[in-house]
């Protein structure tokens, strides 16, 4: 008896040769289809991986040359076009580090923080997690301090505006006071001049009066002599 005749199907029943051959044929067909699907899948993914590697190489090239703007464009293009690529955690880490660098003119702590947060949330077992958590702790402290500084700067701006207003009002009051003081000084000068003029006039009148009195005395004496 052939060894094939002793095989059993999924239900535990012995399979006859025709049934056995049919089962084996179906299994072969399924395995072939799976192999074909895997082959097609591999053919589809490989070109994408090569494209991603090209973008990564370009990004790292620009990063090493400190052309952070172009490096960021390459990394962000990978995230946009290949959201499920196998280097996603590396791209997120690179972007977080890029936006946190002190020599980056486009340095943005909040943007850096957001990329590291995405990495931590999406890839908790990534090899970058330890460094990511260190970055997040540092950035959280920086962002908090920045918020306090911005709040104080806003308060200073408000106080400066109030000071400018008070200073302007004071200058206006001093200007008005100066004008009033000047007017009063001018009026005083005019009054003093008038007083001097009046005193001069009085002196002239007194002089004339004395002359008239002298004339009267002389006239009276002459009259007495004539009598």
Protein backbone atom coordinates (compact mmCIF):
# COMPACT_ATOMS: atom_id res chain seq x y z
CA UNK A 1 0.00 0.00 0.00
CA UNK A 2 1.25 3.48 -0.88
CA UNK A 3 2.17 5.88 1.96
CA UNK A 4 -0.20 8.43 0.47
CA UNK A 5 -3.22 6.25 1.12
CA UNK A 6 -2.69 6.56 4.87
CA UNK A 7 -2.95 10.35 4.98
CA UNK A 8 -5.93 11.99 6.60
CA UNK A 9 -7.71 15.22 5.88
CA UNK A 10 -8.55 18.10 8.24
CA UNK A 11 -11.49 16.14 9.67
CA UNK A 12 -9.35 13.13 10.55
CA UNK A 13 -10.92 10.95 7.82
CA UNK A 14 -8.67 8.99 5.52
CA UNK A 15 -8.43 10.49 2.07
CA UNK A 16 -8.83 8.50 -1.04
CA UNK A 17 -6.24 9.00 -3.75
CA UNK A 18 -8.39 11.30 -5.93
CA UNK A 19 -9.28 13.43 -2.89
CA UNK A 20 -5.68 13.46 -1.78
CA UNK A 21 -4.40 14.61 -5.12
CA UNK A 22 -7.07 17.32 -5.22
CA UNK A 23 -6.07 18.55 -1.76
CA UNK A 24 -2.39 18.61 -2.68
CA UNK A 25 -3.18 20.46 -5.88
CA UNK A 26 -5.17 23.09 -4.00
CA UNK A 27 -2.37 23.48 -1.45
CA UNK A 28 0.17 23.92 -4.23
CA UNK A 29 -2.04 26.50 -5.90
CA UNK A 30 -2.41 28.45 -2.67
CA UNK A 31 1.34 28.34 -1.99
CA UNK A 32 2.07 29.42 -5.54
CA UNK A 33 -0.32 32.34 -5.28
CA UNK A 34 1.25 33.37 -1.98
CA UNK A 35 4.72 33.18 -3.49
CA UNK A 36 3.59 35.23 -6.46
CA UNK A 37 2.00 37.83 -4.18
CA UNK A 38 5.17 38.04 -2.09
CA UNK A 39 7.25 38.39 -5.24
CA UNK A 40 5.03 41.20 -6.53
CA UNK A 41 5.10 42.87 -3.14
CA UNK A 42 8.90 42.71 -3.08
CA UNK A 43 9.10 44.15 -6.58
CA UNK A 44 6.83 47.05 -5.49
CA UNK A 45 8.64 47.86 -2.26
CA UNK A 46 12.25 47.63 -3.46
CA UNK A 47 12.15 50.69 -5.74
CA UNK A 48 10.56 52.69 -2.92
CA UNK A 49 13.32 51.66 -0.55
CA UNK A 50 15.92 52.79 -3.06
CA UNK A 51 14.18 56.14 -3.46
CA UNK A 52 14.03 56.58 0.32
CA UNK A 53 17.72 55.73 0.60
CA UNK A 54 18.51 58.39 -1.99
CA UNK A 55 16.54 60.99 -0.03
CA UNK A 56 18.26 59.90 3.20
CA UNK A 57 21.69 60.19 1.59
CA UNK A 58 20.86 63.64 0.25
CA UNK A 59 19.47 64.73 3.62
CA UNK A 60 22.57 63.53 5.48
CA UNK A 61 24.80 65.21 2.89
CA UNK A 62 23.06 68.56 3.39
CA UNK A 63 22.98 68.06 7.15
CA UNK A 64 26.74 67.49 7.32
CA UNK A 65 27.27 70.63 5.21
CA UNK A 66 25.01 72.53 7.66
CA UNK A 67 22.54 73.32 4.91
CA UNK A 68 19.72 72.56 7.33
CA UNK A 69 16.95 73.99 5.18
CA UNK A 70 17.62 71.57 2.30
CA UNK A 71 18.20 68.70 4.73
CA UNK A 72 14.82 69.37 6.34
CA UNK A 73 13.16 69.41 2.91
CA UNK A 74 14.57 65.97 2.11
CA UNK A 75 13.53 64.48 5.46
CA UNK A 76 10.05 66.01 5.30
CA UNK A 77 9.60 64.73 1.76
CA UNK A 78 10.27 61.21 3.02
CA UNK A 79 7.60 61.62 5.72
CA UNK A 80 5.09 62.99 3.22
CA UNK A 81 5.64 60.45 0.42
CA UNK A 82 6.53 57.35 2.44
CA UNK A 83 4.67 57.59 5.79
CA UNK A 84 5.28 53.89 6.59
CA UNK A 85 8.93 53.62 5.59
CA UNK A 86 11.26 51.43 7.70
CA UNK A 87 13.43 54.45 8.62
CA UNK A 88 10.58 56.56 9.97
CA UNK A 89 12.05 56.79 13.48
CA UNK A 90 15.42 57.84 12.10
CA UNK A 91 13.82 60.56 9.97
CA UNK A 92 11.80 61.90 12.92
CA UNK A 93 14.88 61.88 15.14
CA UNK A 94 16.95 63.68 12.49
CA UNK A 95 14.28 66.37 12.06
CA UNK A 96 13.95 66.84 15.81
CA UNK A 97 17.69 67.20 16.20
CA UNK A 98 17.92 69.47 13.13
CA UNK A 99 15.39 72.00 14.44
CA UNK A 100 17.00 71.96 17.88
CA UNK A 101 20.54 72.81 16.74
CA UNK A 102 21.99 76.12 17.89
CA UNK A 103 23.70 76.75 14.52
CA UNK A 104 20.46 76.38 12.56
CA UNK A 105 19.08 79.81 11.48
CA UNK A 106 15.60 78.21 11.35
CA UNK A 107 15.95 76.85 14.88
CA UNK A 108 12.51 76.15 16.35
CA UNK A 109 12.23 74.43 19.73
CA UNK A 110 8.50 73.71 19.39
CA UNK A 111 8.95 72.09 15.98
CA UNK A 112 11.85 70.04 17.33
CA UNK A 113 9.73 68.98 20.32
CA UNK A 114 6.84 67.89 18.06
CA UNK A 115 9.06 65.59 15.97
CA UNK A 116 10.55 63.94 19.06
CA UNK A 117 7.04 63.51 20.49
CA UNK A 118 5.92 61.75 17.30
CA UNK A 119 8.92 59.46 17.50
CA UNK A 120 8.27 58.56 21.14
CA UNK A 121 4.55 57.96 20.56
CA UNK A 122 4.93 55.99 17.34
CA UNK A 123 8.11 54.03 18.01
CA UNK A 124 8.41 53.25 21.74
CA UNK A 125 10.96 50.48 21.07
CA UNK A 126 13.16 52.52 18.73
CA UNK A 127 16.90 52.61 19.34
CA UNK A 128 16.54 56.42 19.42
CA UNK A 129 14.17 56.43 22.40
CA UNK A 130 16.79 57.12 25.08
CA UNK A 131 18.22 60.11 23.23
CA UNK A 132 14.71 61.22 22.32
CA UNK A 133 13.64 61.34 25.96
CA UNK A 134 16.75 63.37 26.83
CA UNK A 135 15.92 65.81 24.05
CA UNK A 136 12.29 66.03 25.16
CA UNK A 137 13.26 66.80 28.77
CA UNK A 138 15.67 69.50 27.65
CA UNK A 139 13.27 71.00 25.12
CA UNK A 140 10.39 70.99 27.60
CA UNK A 141 12.48 73.06 30.01
CA UNK A 142 13.60 75.42 27.23
CA UNK A 143 10.04 75.93 25.95
CA UNK A 144 8.80 76.58 29.49
CA UNK A 145 11.50 79.19 30.07
CA UNK A 146 10.78 80.74 26.68
CA UNK A 147 7.13 81.04 27.63
CA UNK A 148 8.03 82.82 30.86
CA UNK A 149 10.40 85.14 28.99
CA UNK A 150 7.74 85.96 26.40
CA UNK A 151 5.24 86.65 29.19
CA UNK A 152 7.70 88.99 30.93
CA UNK A 153 8.51 90.72 27.64
CA UNK A 154 4.80 91.30 27.05
CA UNK A 155 4.47 92.74 30.54
CA UNK A 156 7.52 94.96 29.95
CA UNK A 157 6.02 96.20 26.67
CA UNK A 158 2.79 97.09 28.48
CA UNK A 159 4.69 98.92 31.23
CA UNK A 160 6.84 100.70 28.66
CA UNK A 161 3.72 101.87 26.82
CA UNK A 162 2.29 103.22 30.09
CA UNK A 163 5.62 104.93 30.88
CA UNK A 164 5.69 106.52 27.43
CA UNK A 165 2.15 107.78 27.94
CA UNK A 166 2.93 109.26 31.36
CA UNK A 167 6.14 110.83 30.03
CA UNK A 168 4.28 112.38 27.11
CA UNK A 169 1.62 113.76 29.45
CA UNK A 170 4.33 115.15 31.74
CA UNK A 171 6.12 116.80 28.84
CA UNK A 172 2.84 118.26 27.63
CA UNK A 173 2.11 119.57 31.13
CA UNK A 174 5.62 121.00 31.42
CA UNK A 175 5.23 122.56 28.00
CA UNK A 176 1.92 124.11 29.02
CA UNK A 177 3.42 125.22 32.35
CA UNK A 178 6.41 126.68 30.56
CA UNK A 179 4.11 128.58 28.22
CA UNK A 180 2.08 129.84 31.20
CA UNK A 181 5.24 130.81 33.08
CA UNK A 182 6.52 132.62 30.01
CA UNK A 183 3.21 134.44 29.62
CA UNK A 184 3.22 135.46 33.26
CA UNK A 185 6.83 136.64 33.02
CA UNK A 186 6.00 138.70 29.96
CA UNK A 187 2.96 140.17 31.66
CA UNK A 188 5.06 141.01 34.71
CA UNK A 189 7.65 142.72 32.53
CA UNK A 190 4.94 144.75 30.81
CA UNK A 191 3.48 145.76 34.17
CA UNK A 192 6.89 146.74 35.49
CA UNK A 193 7.49 148.83 32.38
CA UNK A 194 4.13 150.52 32.85
CA UNK A 195 4.94 151.19 36.51
CA UNK A 196 8.27 152.73 35.53
CA UNK A 197 6.55 154.85 32.93
CA UNK A 198 3.98 155.96 35.48
CA UNK A 199 6.70 156.76 38.02
CA UNK A 200 8.56 158.76 35.38
CA UNK A 201 5.37 160.61 34.55
CA UNK A 202 4.75 161.29 38.22
CA UNK A 203 8.27 162.64 38.63
CA UNK A 204 7.75 164.89 35.61
CA UNK A 205 4.47 166.12 36.99
CA UNK A 206 6.02 166.73 40.40
CA UNK A 207 8.79 168.70 38.73
CA UNK A 208 6.26 170.75 36.83
CA UNK A 209 4.31 171.28 40.03
CA UNK A 210 7.40 172.55 41.83
CA UNK A 211 8.10 174.94 38.99
CA UNK A 212 4.53 176.22 39.12
CA UNK A 213 4.82 176.71 42.88
CA UNK A 214 8.00 178.70 42.39
CA UNK A 215 6.26 180.88 39.81
CA UNK A 216 3.39 181.49 42.25
CA UNK A 217 5.79 182.50 45.01
CA UNK A 218 7.64 184.90 42.75
CA UNK A 219 4.38 186.41 41.54
CA UNK A 220 3.16 186.89 45.09
CA UNK A 221 6.38 188.62 46.13
CA UNK A 222 6.23 190.93 43.15
CA UNK A 223 2.66 191.88 43.99
CA UNK A 224 3.62 192.79 47.55
CA UNK A 225 6.41 195.03 46.34
CA UNK A 226 4.16 196.84 43.95
CA UNK A 227 1.75 197.63 46.73
